[in-house]
Amino acid sequence: MTEKEKAIAFAALHQKGDPLVLYNIWDAGSAKAVADAGAKALATGSWSVAAAHGFGDGEKVPMEWLAEIARLIVASTELPLTVDFEGAYSEDPETGAANVSRILDAGAIGINFEDQVVGKGGVHAIEKQAARIRAIRDMADRRGIPLFINARTDLFLQEGDEARHAGLVDEAIARGKAYAEAGANGFFVPWLVDAGLIAKVCAASSLPVNIMMRPAAPDLKTLAGAGVARVSYGPGPYRAMMEKLKAAASEIYAPR
């Protein structure tokens, strides 16, 4: 498939109530394993990519490295790839859009794009984040590629007290609406785990909603019933694989 065909096919996988499941990867090897397991699409996780290459999270991986990792993943399978691109390595809309263009050059057809102020804390004002999304959409449109922009809000991720999440839902819904109007294709609300609140966000969103799986999250059946259209696993797969590797190595190196 061409890049445009992959982008169209990827978007079609997002069905409310029948979520696309993305078991996040970090390199070409993990991509091939997940593809061979039956995945319909591939998604990197920024934390996992950073950890696998000796970096911390938060745009610490050099952008040229990330583009090359994406290129190698694309070359390893025929599946559509979406890249966790954090804050596009710039707060400036046009510079961020130019950076996303480099990810398109690598063959990816989607990005996660978050509203947190990377490295500084807090989230960008709605209007500023919408302008950044609009610049990315305009760039992709000029290139003729229907890039899937999964607009992520970090409101819930930055609030460690889950009891306060209900008070953030209205702002999250407002952000989702603004991001949709700016050209986003999906709405990602990591760390939101209350099934009722998830259902409320899904009901109010014109965009397919993405939930991150973690131990406190509802199961897939519950998420589907809440109207979720995409489920991802974040750093979980990488952490699980590193624990398995450590356990296997520990057996080899254990004193006899």
C-alpha atoms as a PDB file:
ATOM      1  CA  MET A   1       0.000   0.000   0.000  1.00  0.00           C
ATOM      2  CA  THR A   2       1.016   3.596  -0.527  1.00  0.00           C
ATOM      3  CA  GLU A   3       1.404   5.915   2.438  1.00  0.00           C
ATOM      4  CA  LYS A   4      -1.944   7.514   1.596  1.00  0.00           C
ATOM      5  CA  GLU A   5      -3.654   4.110   1.391  1.00  0.00           C
ATOM      6  CA  LYS A   6      -2.169   3.103   4.740  1.00  0.00           C
ATOM      7  CA  ALA A   7      -3.441   6.310   6.327  1.00  0.00           C
ATOM      8  CA  ILE A   8      -6.959   5.734   5.018  1.00  0.00           C
ATOM      9  CA  ALA A   9      -6.939   2.105   6.174  1.00  0.00           C
ATOM     10  CA  PHE A  10      -5.641   3.113   9.608  1.00  0.00           C
ATOM     11  CA  ALA A  11      -8.365   5.697  10.108  1.00  0.00           C
ATOM     12  CA  ALA A  12     -11.011   3.122   9.165  1.00  0.00           C
ATOM     13  CA  LEU A  13      -9.842   0.840  11.996  1.00  0.00           C
ATOM     14  CA  HIS A  14     -11.147   3.329  14.577  1.00  0.00           C
ATOM     15  CA  GLN A  15     -14.686   2.167  15.310  1.00  0.00           C
ATOM     16  CA  LYS A  16     -16.640   3.335  18.342  1.00  0.00           C
ATOM     17  CA  GLY A  17     -17.500   0.292  20.433  1.00  0.00           C
ATOM     18  CA  ASP A  18     -15.070  -1.962  18.548  1.00  0.00           C
ATOM     19  CA  PRO A  19     -11.717  -0.474  19.516  1.00  0.00           C
ATOM     20  CA  LEU A  20      -8.508  -0.792  17.584  1.00  0.00           C
ATOM     21  CA  VAL A  21      -5.974  -2.401  19.926  1.00  0.00           C
ATOM     22  CA  LEU A  22      -2.404  -1.123  19.695  1.00  0.00           C
ATOM     23  CA  TYR A  23       0.236  -3.065  21.626  1.00  0.00           C
ATOM     24  CA  ASN A  24       2.955  -0.453  21.665  1.00  0.00           C
ATOM     25  CA  ILE A  25       6.378  -1.133  20.162  1.00  0.00           C
ATOM     26  CA  TRP A  26       9.817   0.512  20.305  1.00  0.00           C
ATOM     27  CA  ASP A  27      11.916  -0.748  17.381  1.00  0.00           C
ATOM     28  CA  ALA A  28      11.829  -2.853  14.217  1.00  0.00           C
ATOM     29  CA  GLY A  29      12.257  -6.093  16.136  1.00  0.00           C
ATOM     30  CA  SER A  30       9.304  -5.489  18.446  1.00  0.00           C
ATOM     31  CA  ALA A  31       7.295  -4.265  15.444  1.00  0.00           C
ATOM     32  CA  LYS A  32       7.872  -7.516  13.586  1.00  0.00           C
ATOM     33  CA  ALA A  33       6.902  -9.589  16.637  1.00  0.00           C
ATOM     34  CA  VAL A  34       3.663  -7.663  17.199  1.00  0.00           C
ATOM     35  CA  ALA A  35       2.837  -7.747  13.483  1.00  0.00           C
ATOM     36  CA  ASP A  36       3.392 -11.510  13.349  1.00  0.00           C
ATOM     37  CA  ALA A  37       1.068 -11.875  16.361  1.00  0.00           C
ATOM     38  CA  GLY A  38      -1.829 -10.499  14.308  1.00  0.00           C
ATOM     39  CA  ALA A  39      -1.821  -6.741  14.872  1.00  0.00           C
ATOM     40  CA  LYS A  40      -3.739  -4.603  12.380  1.00  0.00           C
ATOM     41  CA  ALA A  41      -1.528  -1.564  12.920  1.00  0.00           C
ATOM     42  CA  LEU A  42       1.562  -0.505  14.843  1.00  0.00           C
ATOM     43  CA  ALA A  43       2.188   2.287  17.332  1.00  0.00           C
ATOM     44  CA  THR A  44       5.361   3.381  19.063  1.00  0.00           C
ATOM     45  CA  GLY A  45       5.371   4.633  22.648  1.00  0.00           C
ATOM     46  CA  SER A  46       7.708   7.520  23.418  1.00  0.00           C
ATOM     47  CA  TRP A  47       8.717   6.194  26.855  1.00  0.00           C
ATOM     48  CA  SER A  48       9.550   2.774  25.421  1.00  0.00           C
ATOM     49  CA  VAL A  49      11.495   4.118  22.439  1.00  0.00           C
ATOM     50  CA  ALA A  50      13.485   6.369  24.751  1.00  0.00           C
ATOM     51  CA  ALA A  51      14.220   3.636  27.298  1.00  0.00           C
ATOM     52  CA  ALA A  52      15.224   1.125  24.615  1.00  0.00           C
ATOM     53  CA  HIS A  53      17.821   3.558  23.279  1.00  0.00           C
ATOM     54  CA  GLY A  54      19.206   4.821  26.575  1.00  0.00           C
ATOM     55  CA  PHE A  55      17.257   8.063  26.914  1.00  0.00           C
ATOM     56  CA  GLY A  56      14.710   9.486  29.318  1.00  0.00           C
ATOM     57  CA  ASP A  57      11.196  10.344  28.150  1.00  0.00           C
ATOM     58  CA  GLY A  58      10.247  13.849  27.097  1.00  0.00           C
ATOM     59  CA  GLU A  59      11.760  14.430  23.640  1.00  0.00           C
ATOM     60  CA  LYS A  60      15.191  13.283  24.794  1.00  0.00           C
ATOM     61  CA  VAL A  61      15.626  10.969  21.787  1.00  0.00           C
ATOM     62  CA  PRO A  62      17.262  13.037  19.009  1.00  0.00           C
ATOM     63  CA  MET A  63      14.662  13.704  16.335  1.00  0.00           C
ATOM     64  CA  GLU A  64      16.853  12.308  13.573  1.00  0.00           C
ATOM     65  CA  TRP A  65      17.132   9.068  15.567  1.00  0.00           C
ATOM     66  CA  LEU A  66      13.381   8.894  15.995  1.00  0.00           C
ATOM     67  CA  ALA A  67      12.845   9.403  12.268  1.00  0.00           C
ATOM     68  CA  GLU A  68      15.317   6.619  11.512  1.00  0.00           C
ATOM     69  CA  ILE A  69      13.631   4.280  14.019  1.00  0.00           C
ATOM     70  CA  ALA A  70      10.323   5.001  12.314  1.00  0.00           C
ATOM     71  CA  ARG A  71      11.858   4.317   8.891  1.00  0.00           C
ATOM     72  CA  LEU A  72      13.236   0.958  10.050  1.00  0.00           C
ATOM     73  CA  ILE A  73       9.874  -0.042  11.546  1.00  0.00           C
ATOM     74  CA  VAL A  74       8.047   0.875   8.337  1.00  0.00           C
ATOM     75  CA  ALA A  75      10.541  -1.203   6.341  1.00  0.00           C
ATOM     76  CA  SER A  76      10.033  -4.227   8.606  1.00  0.00           C
ATOM     77  CA  THR A  77       6.277  -4.726   8.025  1.00  0.00           C
ATOM     78  CA  GLU A  78       3.436  -3.736   5.713  1.00  0.00           C
ATOM     79  CA  LEU A  79       1.296  -2.420   8.577  1.00  0.00           C
ATOM     80  CA  PRO A  80       0.411   1.260   9.098  1.00  0.00           C
ATOM     81  CA  LEU A  81       2.601   2.955  11.718  1.00  0.00           C
ATOM     82  CA  THR A  82       1.684   5.773  14.067  1.00  0.00           C
ATOM     83  CA  VAL A  83       4.499   7.457  15.994  1.00  0.00           C
ATOM     84  CA  ASP A  84       4.281   8.907  19.481  1.00  0.00           C
ATOM     85  CA  PHE A  85       5.746  12.304  18.625  1.00  0.00           C
ATOM     86  CA  GLU A  86       5.139  13.921  22.013  1.00  0.00           C
ATOM     87  CA  GLY A  87       5.023  17.720  21.478  1.00  0.00           C
ATOM     88  CA  ALA A  88       6.523  17.680  17.966  1.00  0.00           C
ATOM     89  CA  TYR A  89       9.876  18.897  19.358  1.00  0.00           C
ATOM     90  CA  SER A  90       8.788  22.536  19.236  1.00  0.00           C
ATOM     91  CA  GLU A  91       6.197  24.842  20.752  1.00  0.00           C
ATOM     92  CA  ASP A  92       6.090  26.865  17.525  1.00  0.00           C
ATOM     93  CA  PRO A  93       3.285  25.658  15.220  1.00  0.00           C
ATOM     94  CA  GLU A  94       5.183  25.901  11.930  1.00  0.00           C
ATOM     95  CA  THR A  95       8.375  24.369  13.301  1.00  0.00           C
ATOM     96  CA  GLY A  96       6.393  21.553  14.851  1.00  0.00           C
ATOM     97  CA  ALA A  97       4.631  20.916  11.551  1.00  0.00           C
ATOM     98  CA  ALA A  98       7.983  20.798   9.734  1.00  0.00           C
ATOM     99  CA  ASN A  99       9.197  18.252  12.278  1.00  0.00           C
ATOM    100  CA  VAL A 100       6.114  16.091  11.739  1.00  0.00           C
ATOM    101  CA  SER A 101       6.854  16.223   8.013  1.00  0.00           C
ATOM    102  CA  ARG A 102      10.105  14.382   8.728  1.00  0.00           C
ATOM    103  CA  ILE A 103       8.109  11.585  10.362  1.00  0.00           C
ATOM    104  CA  LEU A 104       5.952  11.399   7.241  1.00  0.00           C
ATOM    105  CA  ASP A 105       9.149  11.176   5.188  1.00  0.00           C
ATOM    106  CA  ALA A 106       9.985   8.041   7.201  1.00  0.00           C
ATOM    107  CA  GLY A 107       6.709   6.439   6.113  1.00  0.00           C
ATOM    108  CA  ALA A 108       4.577   6.850   9.245  1.00  0.00           C
ATOM    109  CA  ILE A 109       0.921   7.765   8.672  1.00  0.00           C
ATOM    110  CA  GLY A 110      -0.084   8.878  12.160  1.00  0.00           C
ATOM    111  CA  ILE A 111       1.186  10.665  15.252  1.00  0.00           C
ATOM    112  CA  ASN A 112       0.294  11.134  18.878  1.00  0.00           C
ATOM    113  CA  PHE A 113       0.511  14.846  19.620  1.00  0.00           C
ATOM    114  CA  GLU A 114       0.197  15.938  23.231  1.00  0.00           C
ATOM    115  CA  ASP A 115      -0.827  19.217  24.836  1.00  0.00           C
ATOM    116  CA  GLN A 116       1.536  19.107  27.798  1.00  0.00           C
ATOM    117  CA  VAL A 117       4.314  21.682  27.827  1.00  0.00           C
ATOM    118  CA  VAL A 118       7.179  19.227  27.404  1.00  0.00           C
ATOM    119  CA  GLY A 119       9.895  19.638  30.006  1.00  0.00           C
ATOM    120  CA  LYS A 120       8.107  22.470  31.805  1.00  0.00           C
ATOM    121  CA  GLY A 121       4.882  21.009  33.174  1.00  0.00           C
ATOM    122  CA  GLY A 122       1.302  22.070  32.697  1.00  0.00           C
ATOM    123  CA  VAL A 123      -0.621  22.070  29.428  1.00  0.00           C
ATOM    124  CA  HIS A 124      -0.781  24.545  26.582  1.00  0.00           C
ATOM    125  CA  ALA A 125      -3.765  26.876  26.362  1.00  0.00           C
ATOM    126  CA  ILE A 126      -6.504  25.404  24.187  1.00  0.00           C
ATOM    127  CA  GLU A 127      -6.093  28.092  21.525  1.00  0.00           C
ATOM    128  CA  LYS A 128      -2.350  27.570  21.278  1.00  0.00           C
ATOM    129  CA  GLN A 129      -2.649  23.799  21.027  1.00  0.00           C
ATOM    130  CA  ALA A 130      -5.366  24.118  18.403  1.00  0.00           C
ATOM    131  CA  ALA A 131      -3.080  26.369  16.349  1.00  0.00           C
ATOM    132  CA  ARG A 132      -0.305  23.773  16.573  1.00  0.00           C
ATOM    133  CA  ILE A 133      -2.673  21.026  15.400  1.00  0.00           C
ATOM    134  CA  ARG A 134      -3.933  23.212  12.568  1.00  0.00           C
ATOM    135  CA  ALA A 135      -0.395  23.806  11.318  1.00  0.00           C
ATOM    136  CA  ILE A 136       0.269  20.059  11.261  1.00  0.00           C
ATOM    137  CA  ARG A 137      -2.994  19.400   9.431  1.00  0.00           C
ATOM    138  CA  ASP A 138      -2.237  22.077   6.846  1.00  0.00           C
ATOM    139  CA  MET A 139       1.227  20.612   6.243  1.00  0.00           C
ATOM    140  CA  ALA A 140      -0.136  17.088   5.780  1.00  0.00           C
ATOM    141  CA  ASP A 141      -2.903  18.347   3.477  1.00  0.00           C
ATOM    142  CA  ARG A 142      -0.348  20.120   1.304  1.00  0.00           C
ATOM    143  CA  ARG A 143       1.517  16.833   1.029  1.00  0.00           C
ATOM    144  CA  GLY A 144      -1.652  14.965   0.121  1.00  0.00           C
ATOM    145  CA  ILE A 145      -1.394  12.543   3.050  1.00  0.00           C
ATOM    146  CA  PRO A 146      -4.405  12.117   5.381  1.00  0.00           C
ATOM    147  CA  LEU A 147      -2.189  12.010   8.481  1.00  0.00           C
ATOM    148  CA  PHE A 148      -4.008  10.640  11.531  1.00  0.00           C
ATOM    149  CA  ILE A 149      -3.447  13.172  14.306  1.00  0.00           C
ATOM    150  CA  ASN A 150      -4.250  11.567  17.639  1.00  0.00           C
ATOM    151  CA  ALA A 151      -4.577  14.652  19.819  1.00  0.00           C
ATOM    152  CA  ARG A 152      -3.665  13.833  23.396  1.00  0.00           C
ATOM    153  CA  THR A 153      -4.626  15.809  26.461  1.00  0.00           C
ATOM    154  CA  ASP A 154      -2.504  15.331  29.555  1.00  0.00           C
ATOM    155  CA  LEU A 155      -5.064  16.771  31.976  1.00  0.00           C
ATOM    156  CA  PHE A 156      -5.681  13.408  33.644  1.00  0.00           C
ATOM    157  CA  LEU A 157      -2.082  12.223  33.437  1.00  0.00           C
ATOM    158  CA  GLN A 158      -0.896  15.298  35.309  1.00  0.00           C
ATOM    159  CA  GLU A 159      -3.501  14.909  38.063  1.00  0.00           C
ATOM    160  CA  GLY A 160      -2.317  12.041  40.243  1.00  0.00           C
ATOM    161  CA  ASP A 161      -5.461  12.047  42.402  1.00  0.00           C
ATOM    162  CA  GLU A 162      -8.023  10.073  40.411  1.00  0.00           C
ATOM    163  CA  ALA A 163     -10.766  11.383  42.689  1.00  0.00           C
ATOM    164  CA  ARG A 164     -10.274  14.758  40.995  1.00  0.00           C
ATOM    165  CA  HIS A 165     -10.595  13.451  37.455  1.00  0.00           C
ATOM    166  CA  ALA A 166     -14.339  14.078  37.343  1.00  0.00           C
ATOM    167  CA  GLY A 167     -13.638  17.784  37.739  1.00  0.00           C
ATOM    168  CA  LEU A 168     -11.439  17.756  34.637  1.00  0.00           C
ATOM    169  CA  VAL A 169     -13.876  16.104  32.251  1.00  0.00           C
ATOM    170  CA  ASP A 170     -15.585  19.286  31.048  1.00  0.00           C
ATOM    171  CA  GLU A 171     -12.250  20.885  30.170  1.00  0.00           C
ATOM    172  CA  ALA A 172     -11.160  17.689  28.442  1.00  0.00           C
ATOM    173  CA  ILE A 173     -14.343  17.677  26.357  1.00  0.00           C
ATOM    174  CA  ALA A 174     -13.770  21.329  25.431  1.00  0.00           C
ATOM    175  CA  ARG A 175     -10.228  20.505  24.378  1.00  0.00           C
ATOM    176  CA  GLY A 176     -11.416  17.561  22.292  1.00  0.00           C
ATOM    177  CA  LYS A 177     -13.907  19.803  20.505  1.00  0.00           C
ATOM    178  CA  ALA A 178     -11.279  22.463  19.768  1.00  0.00           C
ATOM    179  CA  TYR A 179      -8.764  19.882  18.603  1.00  0.00           C
ATOM    180  CA  ALA A 180     -11.337  18.316  16.274  1.00  0.00           C
ATOM    181  CA  GLU A 181     -12.128  21.707  14.760  1.00  0.00           C
ATOM    182  CA  ALA A 182      -8.394  22.262  14.241  1.00  0.00           C
ATOM    183  CA  GLY A 183      -8.052  19.059  12.242  1.00  0.00           C
ATOM    184  CA  ALA A 184      -7.355  16.250  14.719  1.00  0.00           C
ATOM    185  CA  ASN A 185      -8.610  12.746  13.904  1.00  0.00           C
ATOM    186  CA  GLY A 186      -8.556  11.145  17.350  1.00  0.00           C
ATOM    187  CA  PHE A 187      -8.699  12.174  21.003  1.00  0.00           C
ATOM    188  CA  PHE A 188      -6.388  10.491  23.527  1.00  0.00           C
ATOM    189  CA  VAL A 189      -7.082  10.780  27.272  1.00  0.00           C
ATOM    190  CA  PRO A 190      -4.327   8.777  29.022  1.00  0.00           C
ATOM    191  CA  TRP A 191      -4.703   7.954  32.708  1.00  0.00           C
ATOM    192  CA  LEU A 192      -8.504   8.308  32.695  1.00  0.00           C
ATOM    193  CA  VAL A 193      -9.760   4.966  34.054  1.00  0.00           C
ATOM    194  CA  ASP A 194     -13.229   5.548  35.489  1.00  0.00           C
ATOM    195  CA  ALA A 195     -15.656   3.766  33.139  1.00  0.00           C
ATOM    196  CA  GLY A 196     -18.414   6.328  33.684  1.00  0.00           C
ATOM    197  CA  LEU A 197     -16.138   9.274  32.950  1.00  0.00           C
ATOM    198  CA  ILE A 198     -14.723   7.511  29.899  1.00  0.00           C
ATOM    199  CA  ALA A 199     -18.272   6.961  28.610  1.00  0.00           C
ATOM    200  CA  LYS A 200     -19.040  10.645  29.176  1.00  0.00           C
ATOM    201  CA  VAL A 201     -16.012  11.726  27.150  1.00  0.00           C
ATOM    202  CA  CYS A 202     -16.850   9.272  24.362  1.00  0.00           C
ATOM    203  CA  ALA A 203     -20.465  10.470  24.195  1.00  0.00           C
ATOM    204  CA  ALA A 204     -19.387  14.102  23.933  1.00  0.00           C
ATOM    205  CA  SER A 205     -16.541  13.609  21.460  1.00  0.00           C
ATOM    206  CA  SER A 206     -16.941  13.738  17.692  1.00  0.00           C
ATOM    207  CA  LEU A 207     -13.533  12.067  17.483  1.00  0.00           C
ATOM    208  CA  PRO A 208     -12.708   8.414  18.201  1.00  0.00           C
ATOM    209  CA  VAL A 209     -11.472   8.223  21.792  1.00  0.00           C
ATOM    210  CA  ASN A 210      -8.227   6.493  22.786  1.00  0.00           C
ATOM    211  CA  ILE A 211      -7.725   5.040  26.286  1.00  0.00           C
ATOM    212  CA  MET A 212      -4.424   3.782  27.682  1.00  0.00           C
ATOM    213  CA  MET A 213      -4.459   0.328  29.245  1.00  0.00           C
ATOM    214  CA  ARG A 214      -2.927   0.029  32.705  1.00  0.00           C
ATOM    215  CA  PRO A 215      -3.705  -2.093  35.763  1.00  0.00           C
ATOM    216  CA  ALA A 216      -6.400   0.296  37.013  1.00  0.00           C
ATOM    217  CA  ALA A 217      -8.137   0.584  33.631  1.00  0.00           C
ATOM    218  CA  PRO A 218     -11.352  -1.283  32.750  1.00  0.00           C
ATOM    219  CA  ASP A 219     -11.077  -4.364  30.559  1.00  0.00           C
ATOM    220  CA  LEU A 220     -11.519  -4.247  26.796  1.00  0.00           C
ATOM    221  CA  LYS A 221     -15.164  -5.313  26.896  1.00  0.00           C
ATOM    222  CA  THR A 222     -16.020  -2.512  29.320  1.00  0.00           C
ATOM    223  CA  LEU A 223     -14.106   0.045  27.285  1.00  0.00           C
ATOM    224  CA  ALA A 224     -15.885  -1.056  24.127  1.00  0.00           C
ATOM    225  CA  GLY A 225     -19.219  -0.685  25.896  1.00  0.00           C
ATOM    226  CA  ALA A 226     -18.240   2.830  26.941  1.00  0.00           C
ATOM    227  CA  GLY A 227     -17.734   3.767  23.294  1.00  0.00           C
ATOM    228  CA  VAL A 228     -13.939   3.692  23.113  1.00  0.00           C
ATOM    229  CA  ALA A 229     -12.514   3.396  19.582  1.00  0.00           C
ATOM    230  CA  ARG A 230      -8.829   2.839  20.331  1.00  0.00           C
ATOM    231  CA  VAL A 231      -6.884   1.180  23.134  1.00  0.00           C
ATOM    232  CA  SER A 232      -3.117   1.442  23.536  1.00  0.00           C
ATOM    233  CA  TYR A 233      -0.727   0.010  26.078  1.00  0.00           C
ATOM    234  CA  GLY A 234       1.900   2.731  26.494  1.00  0.00           C
ATOM    235  CA  PRO A 235       5.125   1.570  28.173  1.00  0.00           C
ATOM    236  CA  GLY A 236       3.555  -1.629  29.514  1.00  0.00           C
ATOM    237  CA  PRO A 237       4.808  -3.988  26.762  1.00  0.00           C
ATOM    238  CA  TYR A 238       8.388  -2.721  27.014  1.00  0.00           C
ATOM    239  CA  ARG A 239       8.428  -3.012  30.789  1.00  0.00           C
ATOM    240  CA  ALA A 240       6.986  -6.529  30.625  1.00  0.00           C
ATOM    241  CA  MET A 241       9.572  -7.646  28.066  1.00  0.00           C
ATOM    242  CA  MET A 242      12.459  -6.197  30.067  1.00  0.00           C
ATOM    243  CA  GLU A 243      11.254  -8.053  33.159  1.00  0.00           C
ATOM    244  CA  LYS A 244      11.146 -11.304  31.176  1.00  0.00           C
ATOM    245  CA  LEU A 245      14.615 -10.668  29.802  1.00  0.00           C
ATOM    246  CA  LYS A 246      15.958  -9.896  33.264  1.00  0.00           C
ATOM    247  CA  ALA A 247      14.361 -13.039  34.717  1.00  0.00           C
ATOM    248  CA  ALA A 248      15.793 -15.233  31.938  1.00  0.00           C
ATOM    249  CA  ALA A 249      19.240 -13.679  32.323  1.00  0.00           C
ATOM    250  CA  SER A 250      19.079 -14.076  36.088  1.00  0.00           C
ATOM    251  CA  GLU A 251      18.605 -17.809  35.653  1.00  0.00           C
ATOM    252  CA  ILE A 252      21.660 -17.993  33.401  1.00  0.00           C
ATOM    253  CA  TYR A 253      23.869 -15.973  35.725  1.00  0.00           C
ATOM    254  CA  ALA A 254      22.602 -17.416  39.018  1.00  0.00           C
ATOM    255  CA  PRO A 255      25.371 -19.026  41.104  1.00  0.00           C
ATOM    256  CA  ARG A 256      25.480 -22.795  40.625  1.00  0.00           C
END
